Amino acid sequence: MKVRSTIVAVMATTALTTAAFAGLAQPAGAADTTTTFTLTGGALSISAPSSKALGSAATGSASITAQLGTTTVTDARGALLGSWTGSVASTDFTTGLATANETIAKTDADYWSGAATASTGLGTFTPGQLLVANKVTLASSRTAFSAASVIGNNSVSWNPTVGINVPAAAVAGTYSGTITHSVA
């Protein structure tokens, strides 16, 4: 009988302990708080060198070619499946009084973006002109780089190459023009 009473006592103690813990686990009441917060998107921006000397060549030379310097698109909008397009355009290049022989038209300027030199974030980043064989004239605005299916913040950098095809009638001088990168 002693064994039987010990078993009954152990079972009773276990039942009381389980009931006590069960009572602690169940609150007398509950109150839910719906919690919200907002993430705000930032800006879509582009940066490029403020100036670049492409070098020099003798009059009558075929061309002058050089890399322009790192151009970077930074997308801090925090988009879901967003996109952007970076574009490039140019003015004519002039010297002196900008007469016909002192002007190299933007149609004589070639551009190719090359591959990305750096990128962050998620998305599909596509160069406008991956290889020199894909170069385009800057006669009109061109796509330099683009992004699709971006998620969250992202950025991409590239170092484009510019080639100036020198007309035979161009006179000596320091030519100046503006190459503009933009993003939308």
C-alpha atoms as a PDB file:
ATOM      1  CA  MET A   1       0.000   0.000   0.000  1.00  0.00           C
ATOM      2  CA  LYS A   2       2.867   2.324   0.643  1.00  0.00           C
ATOM      3  CA  VAL A   3       3.851   2.187  -3.025  1.00  0.00           C
ATOM      4  CA  ARG A   4       0.276   2.893  -4.070  1.00  0.00           C
ATOM      5  CA  SER A   5      -0.032   5.922  -1.791  1.00  0.00           C
ATOM      6  CA  THR A   6       3.351   7.217  -2.988  1.00  0.00           C
ATOM      7  CA  ILE A   7       2.165   6.972  -6.606  1.00  0.00           C
ATOM      8  CA  VAL A   8      -1.088   8.744  -5.739  1.00  0.00           C
ATOM      9  CA  ALA A   9       0.852  11.460  -3.910  1.00  0.00           C
ATOM     10  CA  VAL A  10       3.224  11.960  -6.863  1.00  0.00           C
ATOM     11  CA  MET A  11       0.280  12.116  -9.273  1.00  0.00           C
ATOM     12  CA  ALA A  12      -1.516  14.633  -7.080  1.00  0.00           C
ATOM     13  CA  THR A  13       1.608  16.794  -6.780  1.00  0.00           C
ATOM     14  CA  THR A  14       2.137  16.675 -10.561  1.00  0.00           C
ATOM     15  CA  ALA A  15      -1.484  17.642 -11.203  1.00  0.00           C
ATOM     16  CA  LEU A  16      -1.281  20.600  -8.782  1.00  0.00           C
ATOM     17  CA  THR A  17       2.023  21.786 -10.273  1.00  0.00           C
ATOM     18  CA  THR A  18       0.653  21.534 -13.838  1.00  0.00           C
ATOM     19  CA  ALA A  19      -2.504  23.427 -12.837  1.00  0.00           C
ATOM     20  CA  ALA A  20      -0.428  26.131 -11.155  1.00  0.00           C
ATOM     21  CA  PHE A  21       1.766  26.653 -14.225  1.00  0.00           C
ATOM     22  CA  ALA A  22      -1.262  26.546 -16.510  1.00  0.00           C
ATOM     23  CA  GLY A  23      -2.862  29.230 -14.417  1.00  0.00           C
ATOM     24  CA  LEU A  24       0.226  31.450 -14.816  1.00  0.00           C
ATOM     25  CA  ALA A  25       0.396  30.885 -18.570  1.00  0.00           C
ATOM     26  CA  GLN A  26      -3.147  32.125 -19.207  1.00  0.00           C
ATOM     27  CA  PRO A  27      -3.598  35.873 -18.674  1.00  0.00           C
ATOM     28  CA  ALA A  28      -6.791  37.104 -17.183  1.00  0.00           C
ATOM     29  CA  GLY A  29      -7.166  39.461 -20.181  1.00  0.00           C
ATOM     30  CA  ALA A  30      -5.157  40.541 -23.237  1.00  0.00           C
ATOM     31  CA  ALA A  31      -4.732  43.851 -25.050  1.00  0.00           C
ATOM     32  CA  ASP A  32      -3.270  44.086 -28.553  1.00  0.00           C
ATOM     33  CA  THR A  33      -1.556  47.215 -29.870  1.00  0.00           C
ATOM     34  CA  THR A  34      -1.474  47.662 -33.621  1.00  0.00           C
ATOM     35  CA  THR A  35       1.945  49.182 -34.273  1.00  0.00           C
ATOM     36  CA  THR A  36       2.880  51.054 -37.471  1.00  0.00           C
ATOM     37  CA  PHE A  37       5.814  53.016 -38.817  1.00  0.00           C
ATOM     38  CA  THR A  38       6.692  54.687 -42.115  1.00  0.00           C
ATOM     39  CA  LEU A  39       9.786  54.363 -44.289  1.00  0.00           C
ATOM     40  CA  THR A  40      10.245  57.370 -46.538  1.00  0.00           C
ATOM     41  CA  GLY A  41      12.095  57.151 -49.820  1.00  0.00           C
ATOM     42  CA  GLY A  42      14.991  59.389 -50.697  1.00  0.00           C
ATOM     43  CA  ALA A  43      16.120  60.856 -53.991  1.00  0.00           C
ATOM     44  CA  LEU A  44      17.235  59.552 -57.364  1.00  0.00           C
ATOM     45  CA  SER A  45      20.447  61.377 -58.296  1.00  0.00           C
ATOM     46  CA  ILE A  46      23.438  61.262 -60.621  1.00  0.00           C
ATOM     47  CA  SER A  47      26.982  62.544 -60.252  1.00  0.00           C
ATOM     48  CA  ALA A  48      29.756  62.980 -62.811  1.00  0.00           C
ATOM     49  CA  PRO A  49      33.097  64.807 -62.941  1.00  0.00           C
ATOM     50  CA  SER A  50      32.640  68.582 -63.149  1.00  0.00           C
ATOM     51  CA  SER A  51      35.366  68.902 -65.790  1.00  0.00           C
ATOM     52  CA  LYS A  52      37.635  66.706 -67.856  1.00  0.00           C
ATOM     53  CA  ALA A  53      40.465  67.468 -70.255  1.00  0.00           C
ATOM     54  CA  LEU A  54      40.386  64.773 -72.950  1.00  0.00           C
ATOM     55  CA  GLY A  55      43.962  65.445 -74.075  1.00  0.00           C
ATOM     56  CA  SER A  56      45.370  66.982 -77.209  1.00  0.00           C
ATOM     57  CA  ALA A  57      46.139  66.097 -80.791  1.00  0.00           C
ATOM     58  CA  ALA A  58      47.555  67.856 -83.828  1.00  0.00           C
ATOM     59  CA  THR A  59      45.161  69.482 -86.285  1.00  0.00           C
ATOM     60  CA  GLY A  60      44.217  67.016 -88.990  1.00  0.00           C
ATOM     61  CA  SER A  61      44.353  64.097 -86.504  1.00  0.00           C
ATOM     62  CA  ALA A  62      41.661  61.484 -86.757  1.00  0.00           C
ATOM     63  CA  SER A  63      40.396  61.547 -83.162  1.00  0.00           C
ATOM     64  CA  ILE A  64      40.938  62.161 -79.460  1.00  0.00           C
ATOM     65  CA  THR A  65      39.647  59.459 -77.102  1.00  0.00           C
ATOM     66  CA  ALA A  66      39.634  59.368 -73.290  1.00  0.00           C
ATOM     67  CA  GLN A  67      37.594  58.143 -70.370  1.00  0.00           C
ATOM     68  CA  LEU A  68      35.393  60.841 -68.882  1.00  0.00           C
ATOM     69  CA  GLY A  69      35.619  59.718 -65.242  1.00  0.00           C
ATOM     70  CA  THR A  70      33.292  57.879 -62.890  1.00  0.00           C
ATOM     71  CA  THR A  71      29.600  58.593 -63.282  1.00  0.00           C
ATOM     72  CA  THR A  72      27.293  57.260 -60.546  1.00  0.00           C
ATOM     73  CA  VAL A  73      23.519  56.916 -60.232  1.00  0.00           C
ATOM     74  CA  THR A  74      22.308  56.675 -56.632  1.00  0.00           C
ATOM     75  CA  ASP A  75      18.722  55.516 -56.133  1.00  0.00           C
ATOM     76  CA  ALA A  76      17.587  55.987 -52.526  1.00  0.00           C
ATOM     77  CA  ARG A  77      13.855  55.861 -53.305  1.00  0.00           C
ATOM     78  CA  GLY A  78      13.406  52.413 -51.749  1.00  0.00           C
ATOM     79  CA  ALA A  79      11.249  51.216 -54.641  1.00  0.00           C
ATOM     80  CA  LEU A  80       9.717  47.795 -55.156  1.00  0.00           C
ATOM     81  CA  LEU A  81      10.363  46.723 -58.753  1.00  0.00           C
ATOM     82  CA  GLY A  82      11.412  50.259 -59.699  1.00  0.00           C
ATOM     83  CA  SER A  83      13.477  51.416 -62.642  1.00  0.00           C
ATOM     84  CA  TRP A  84      15.558  54.344 -63.837  1.00  0.00           C
ATOM     85  CA  THR A  85      17.353  55.462 -66.996  1.00  0.00           C
ATOM     86  CA  GLY A  86      20.584  57.451 -67.045  1.00  0.00           C
ATOM     87  CA  SER A  87      20.988  59.565 -70.172  1.00  0.00           C
ATOM     88  CA  VAL A  88      23.845  61.488 -71.771  1.00  0.00           C
ATOM     89  CA  ALA A  89      23.774  64.469 -74.132  1.00  0.00           C
ATOM     90  CA  SER A  90      26.322  66.948 -75.444  1.00  0.00           C
ATOM     91  CA  THR A  91      26.674  70.453 -76.827  1.00  0.00           C
ATOM     92  CA  ASP A  92      28.901  71.313 -79.755  1.00  0.00           C
ATOM     93  CA  PHE A  93      32.589  71.940 -78.939  1.00  0.00           C
ATOM     94  CA  THR A  94      33.899  75.399 -79.809  1.00  0.00           C
ATOM     95  CA  THR A  95      36.986  77.573 -79.593  1.00  0.00           C
ATOM     96  CA  GLY A  96      37.622  81.238 -80.385  1.00  0.00           C
ATOM     97  CA  LEU A  97      34.549  82.892 -81.910  1.00  0.00           C
ATOM     98  CA  ALA A  98      32.834  79.540 -82.633  1.00  0.00           C
ATOM     99  CA  THR A  99      32.965  80.029 -86.403  1.00  0.00           C
ATOM    100  CA  ALA A 100      32.399  76.987 -88.623  1.00  0.00           C
ATOM    101  CA  ASN A 101      36.124  76.116 -88.497  1.00  0.00           C
ATOM    102  CA  GLU A 102      36.179  76.740 -84.723  1.00  0.00           C
ATOM    103  CA  THR A 103      33.319  74.301 -84.021  1.00  0.00           C
ATOM    104  CA  ILE A 104      33.370  70.539 -83.720  1.00  0.00           C
ATOM    105  CA  ALA A 105      29.747  69.427 -83.815  1.00  0.00           C
ATOM    106  CA  LYS A 106      28.300  67.080 -81.217  1.00  0.00           C
ATOM    107  CA  THR A 107      27.671  64.682 -84.122  1.00  0.00           C
ATOM    108  CA  ASP A 108      31.463  64.205 -84.131  1.00  0.00           C
ATOM    109  CA  ALA A 109      31.467  63.073 -80.486  1.00  0.00           C
ATOM    110  CA  ASP A 110      31.204  59.341 -79.775  1.00  0.00           C
ATOM    111  CA  TYR A 111      30.216  57.813 -76.413  1.00  0.00           C
ATOM    112  CA  TRP A 112      30.162  54.360 -74.905  1.00  0.00           C
ATOM    113  CA  SER A 113      29.428  53.642 -71.266  1.00  0.00           C
ATOM    114  CA  GLY A 114      31.329  50.398 -70.823  1.00  0.00           C
ATOM    115  CA  ALA A 115      30.477  47.953 -68.053  1.00  0.00           C
ATOM    116  CA  ALA A 116      29.567  48.886 -64.488  1.00  0.00           C
ATOM    117  CA  THR A 117      32.632  49.566 -62.350  1.00  0.00           C
ATOM    118  CA  ALA A 118      30.612  49.162 -59.122  1.00  0.00           C
ATOM    119  CA  SER A 119      27.028  48.478 -58.083  1.00  0.00           C
ATOM    120  CA  THR A 120      24.997  47.984 -54.924  1.00  0.00           C
ATOM    121  CA  GLY A 121      21.502  46.732 -54.259  1.00  0.00           C
ATOM    122  CA  LEU A 122      19.178  44.435 -56.127  1.00  0.00           C
ATOM    123  CA  GLY A 123      18.189  44.984 -59.729  1.00  0.00           C
ATOM    124  CA  THR A 124      19.187  44.460 -63.328  1.00  0.00           C
ATOM    125  CA  PHE A 125      21.757  47.081 -64.365  1.00  0.00           C
ATOM    126  CA  THR A 126      22.327  47.445 -68.113  1.00  0.00           C
ATOM    127  CA  PRO A 127      25.003  49.547 -69.848  1.00  0.00           C
ATOM    128  CA  GLY A 128      23.831  51.620 -72.800  1.00  0.00           C
ATOM    129  CA  GLN A 129      26.908  50.715 -74.839  1.00  0.00           C
ATOM    130  CA  LEU A 130      28.944  47.890 -73.364  1.00  0.00           C
ATOM    131  CA  LEU A 131      31.704  47.814 -75.998  1.00  0.00           C
ATOM    132  CA  VAL A 132      33.427  50.307 -78.292  1.00  0.00           C
ATOM    133  CA  ALA A 133      31.653  48.504 -81.131  1.00  0.00           C
ATOM    134  CA  ASN A 134      28.374  49.763 -79.592  1.00  0.00           C
ATOM    135  CA  LYS A 135      29.446  53.437 -79.453  1.00  0.00           C
ATOM    136  CA  VAL A 136      26.884  56.102 -80.361  1.00  0.00           C
ATOM    137  CA  THR A 137      27.238  59.717 -81.458  1.00  0.00           C
ATOM    138  CA  LEU A 138      26.073  62.403 -79.080  1.00  0.00           C
ATOM    139  CA  ALA A 139      24.017  64.009 -81.853  1.00  0.00           C
ATOM    140  CA  SER A 140      21.010  63.498 -79.556  1.00  0.00           C
ATOM    141  CA  SER A 141      20.341  62.286 -76.024  1.00  0.00           C
ATOM    142  CA  ARG A 142      21.343  58.632 -75.525  1.00  0.00           C
ATOM    143  CA  THR A 143      20.825  56.019 -72.816  1.00  0.00           C
ATOM    144  CA  ALA A 144      24.053  55.691 -70.838  1.00  0.00           C
ATOM    145  CA  PHE A 145      22.899  53.121 -68.260  1.00  0.00           C
ATOM    146  CA  SER A 146      19.592  51.763 -67.008  1.00  0.00           C
ATOM    147  CA  ALA A 147      18.170  49.704 -64.163  1.00  0.00           C
ATOM    148  CA  ALA A 148      15.078  47.514 -63.994  1.00  0.00           C
ATOM    149  CA  SER A 149      13.404  45.436 -61.299  1.00  0.00           C
ATOM    150  CA  VAL A 150      15.220  47.344 -58.551  1.00  0.00           C
ATOM    151  CA  ILE A 151      14.267  46.553 -54.983  1.00  0.00           C
ATOM    152  CA  GLY A 152      15.160  49.013 -52.247  1.00  0.00           C
ATOM    153  CA  ASN A 153      18.132  51.332 -52.529  1.00  0.00           C
ATOM    154  CA  ASN A 154      20.722  50.781 -55.264  1.00  0.00           C
ATOM    155  CA  SER A 155      23.570  52.449 -57.113  1.00  0.00           C
ATOM    156  CA  VAL A 156      25.705  51.841 -60.159  1.00  0.00           C
ATOM    157  CA  SER A 157      28.913  53.492 -61.405  1.00  0.00           C
ATOM    158  CA  TRP A 158      30.610  53.439 -64.791  1.00  0.00           C
ATOM    159  CA  ASN A 159      33.539  55.216 -66.450  1.00  0.00           C
ATOM    160  CA  PRO A 160      32.385  56.194 -69.961  1.00  0.00           C
ATOM    161  CA  THR A 161      34.676  56.810 -72.911  1.00  0.00           C
ATOM    162  CA  VAL A 162      34.322  59.832 -75.187  1.00  0.00           C
ATOM    163  CA  GLY A 163      35.861  60.050 -78.626  1.00  0.00           C
ATOM    164  CA  ILE A 164      36.047  63.267 -80.634  1.00  0.00           C
ATOM    165  CA  ASN A 165      36.342  62.775 -84.394  1.00  0.00           C
ATOM    166  CA  VAL A 166      38.391  65.778 -85.491  1.00  0.00           C
ATOM    167  CA  PRO A 167      37.246  67.326 -88.802  1.00  0.00           C
ATOM    168  CA  ALA A 168      40.037  68.103 -91.281  1.00  0.00           C
ATOM    169  CA  ALA A 169      39.017  71.786 -91.362  1.00  0.00           C
ATOM    170  CA  ALA A 170      39.148  72.254 -87.560  1.00  0.00           C
ATOM    171  CA  VAL A 171      41.595  74.983 -86.538  1.00  0.00           C
ATOM    172  CA  ALA A 172      43.990  74.943 -83.587  1.00  0.00           C
ATOM    173  CA  GLY A 173      42.598  75.992 -80.214  1.00  0.00           C
ATOM    174  CA  THR A 174      41.250  74.719 -76.911  1.00  0.00           C
ATOM    175  CA  TYR A 175      37.737  73.449 -77.588  1.00  0.00           C
ATOM    176  CA  SER A 176      35.091  73.423 -74.901  1.00  0.00           C
ATOM    177  CA  GLY A 177      31.653  71.821 -74.701  1.00  0.00           C
ATOM    178  CA  THR A 178      29.382  70.286 -72.087  1.00  0.00           C
ATOM    179  CA  ILE A 179      28.518  66.619 -71.756  1.00  0.00           C
ATOM    180  CA  THR A 180      25.502  66.238 -69.474  1.00  0.00           C
ATOM    181  CA  HIS A 181      24.432  63.083 -67.649  1.00  0.00           C
ATOM    182  CA  SER A 182      20.910  62.972 -66.227  1.00  0.00           C
ATOM    183  CA  VAL A 183      18.680  60.342 -64.618  1.00  0.00           C
ATOM    184  CA  ALA A 184      14.933  59.812 -64.461  1.00  0.00           C
END
